[in-house]
Each structure stands twice: as C-alpha cells, then as structure tokens.
Amino acid sequence: MNNKLQSILLNKYNSDSLGHFYLLTPSSLDKESFCLDWCNKILCNISSRQYTENENIQHEDILYFTPANDKYSNDQLDEIRKFLTYNSSLLKSKFIIITNGDKLLETHLNK
C-alpha cells in the first residue's frame, strides 16, 4: 500500500495535480521515522538526488518542522510563514514536513 500511495503522489506531482495538504497517519509504532522515511523516498524521486535512509533531504524548497520542547512555538510558525513568502525555486512546489502535528495548538492551526 505504501508504494502504491507513493506512486500516486509522484504521478500527481508530475501532472501538477498535487493537493495543498496531505495528512499522513501511519499505523506503525514509530510514526515519526516512518513518515520522514516515507516522505524522503517521495522527495528523492522529485529532487533527483540520492539520499541515505536516515538523512533528511536538504533542499531550499523543503522545510522539515519538528516541535521544540515537545510543543510548537509562535516563532517556529513564523519560520513557516517566511518559507512560504516566496515561490519554489527548483521544484514545482514547496514542501513542509511537519512531524508531530498533534503538538500544534488550535491558535497555530488558525494562523
């Protein structure tokens, strides 16, 4: 199923029909590493550079976002806003990978 979903998302990316937001909720025990690994596999295909399994892709159009001290701060959300201020430079879209989205407060989600 995972490979099928990756294939679907890659096809959507290549045909410029990606949605603005996707929520991944894996059933595995180690959700964070599973999601990051899964996203990295997709982004490796998009960015055409090979990365090791545990390495987050460093790309100017990709932002990895994790909570500091087990919660997100307003300063961190400002970082997202700054990231989204400009259009993507090399990829068709910008990507933000937010881990532990359940740590976002309602006020953060409303922003």
Protein backbone atom coordinates (compact mmCIF):
# COMPACT_ATOMS: atom_id res chain seq x y z
CA MET A 1 0.00 0.00 0.00
CA ASN A 2 2.81 2.43 0.84
CA ASN A 3 4.46 2.04 -2.56
CA LYS A 4 1.11 2.44 -4.28
CA LEU A 5 0.42 5.68 -2.40
CA GLN A 6 3.93 6.96 -3.17
CA SER A 7 3.36 6.20 -6.84
CA ILE A 8 0.02 8.03 -6.80
CA LEU A 9 1.56 11.12 -5.18
CA LEU A 10 4.51 11.11 -7.60
CA ASN A 11 2.10 10.93 -10.53
CA LYS A 12 0.11 13.81 -9.06
CA TYR A 13 3.32 15.83 -8.65
CA ASN A 14 4.40 15.13 -12.21
CA SER A 15 0.98 16.08 -13.59
CA ASP A 16 0.78 19.26 -11.44
CA SER A 17 -2.27 17.99 -9.58
CA LEU A 18 -0.96 17.68 -6.01
CA GLY A 19 -3.25 18.87 -3.27
CA HIS A 20 -2.20 21.66 -0.93
CA PHE A 21 -2.22 19.48 2.15
CA TYR A 22 -1.83 15.81 2.96
CA LEU A 23 -2.11 14.25 6.40
CA LEU A 24 -0.20 11.02 6.93
CA THR A 25 -1.12 8.87 9.90
CA PRO A 26 0.78 5.58 9.77
CA SER A 27 -0.25 2.60 11.81
CA SER A 28 3.33 1.64 12.67
CA LEU A 29 4.70 2.15 16.16
CA ASP A 30 7.50 4.52 15.18
CA LYS A 31 5.30 7.04 13.39
CA GLU A 32 7.80 9.90 13.13
CA SER A 33 10.62 7.94 11.50
CA PHE A 34 8.14 6.10 9.27
CA CYS A 35 6.65 9.35 7.96
CA LEU A 36 10.03 11.01 7.47
CA ASP A 37 11.39 7.98 5.64
CA TRP A 38 8.26 7.76 3.50
CA CYS A 39 8.38 11.47 2.62
CA ASN A 40 12.11 11.27 1.90
CA LYS A 41 11.51 8.48 -0.61
CA ILE A 42 8.98 10.60 -2.47
CA LEU A 43 11.13 13.74 -2.30
CA CYS A 44 14.21 11.82 -3.51
CA ASN A 45 12.31 10.97 -6.68
CA ILE A 46 11.24 14.58 -7.09
CA SER A 47 14.60 16.20 -6.34
CA SER A 48 16.63 13.68 -8.39
CA ARG A 49 19.38 13.39 -5.76
CA GLN A 50 20.07 10.24 -3.80
CA TYR A 51 19.96 10.43 0.00
CA THR A 52 20.63 7.91 2.71
CA GLU A 53 17.62 6.50 4.53
CA ASN A 54 18.06 8.45 7.77
CA GLU A 55 19.12 11.72 6.16
CA ASN A 56 16.54 14.48 5.79
CA ILE A 57 16.67 15.99 2.35
CA GLN A 58 18.32 19.38 2.46
CA HIS A 59 16.72 21.43 -0.27
CA GLU A 60 15.73 25.07 -0.47
CA ASP A 61 12.14 24.13 -1.35
CA ILE A 62 11.72 21.62 1.51
CA LEU A 63 11.27 22.53 5.18
CA TYR A 64 11.32 19.93 7.94
CA PHE A 65 9.49 21.07 11.01
CA THR A 66 9.60 19.44 14.46
CA PRO A 67 8.40 20.77 17.81
CA ALA A 68 10.90 22.29 20.23
CA ASN A 69 10.49 21.08 23.82
CA ASP A 70 7.51 18.90 22.85
CA LYS A 71 5.42 21.81 21.55
CA TYR A 72 5.46 24.29 18.70
CA SER A 73 6.18 27.96 19.35
CA ASN A 74 4.92 31.07 17.58
CA ASP A 75 8.49 31.74 16.41
CA GLN A 76 8.51 28.39 14.66
CA LEU A 77 5.28 29.24 12.87
CA ASP A 78 6.83 32.50 11.73
CA GLU A 79 9.53 30.36 10.09
CA ILE A 80 6.83 28.59 8.07
CA ARG A 81 5.31 31.91 7.05
CA LYS A 82 8.72 33.20 5.87
CA PHE A 83 9.34 29.96 3.99
CA LEU A 84 6.05 30.31 2.14
CA THR A 85 6.60 34.00 1.30
CA TYR A 86 8.46 33.13 -1.90
CA ASN A 87 7.63 30.72 -4.68
CA SER A 88 9.55 27.49 -5.07
CA SER A 89 12.84 27.89 -6.89
CA LEU A 90 13.80 24.45 -8.22
CA LEU A 91 10.83 22.19 -7.59
CA LYS A 92 7.28 22.62 -8.86
CA SER A 93 6.07 23.14 -5.28
CA LYS A 94 7.38 23.87 -1.83
CA PHE A 95 7.08 21.10 0.75
CA ILE A 96 6.78 21.39 4.51
CA ILE A 97 7.09 18.19 6.50
CA ILE A 98 5.56 18.73 9.95
CA THR A 99 6.22 15.97 12.45
CA ASN A 100 4.01 15.50 15.49
CA GLY A 101 1.24 17.66 14.10
CA ASP A 102 -0.79 16.79 17.16
CA LYS A 103 1.50 19.18 19.09
CA LEU A 104 0.18 22.17 17.12
CA LEU A 105 -2.20 24.30 19.15
CA GLU A 106 -5.54 25.45 17.80
CA THR A 107 -4.20 29.02 17.60
CA HIS A 108 -1.34 27.76 15.42
CA LEU A 109 -3.73 25.94 13.11
CA ASN A 110 -5.87 29.07 12.73
CA LYS A 111 -2.85 31.08 11.56
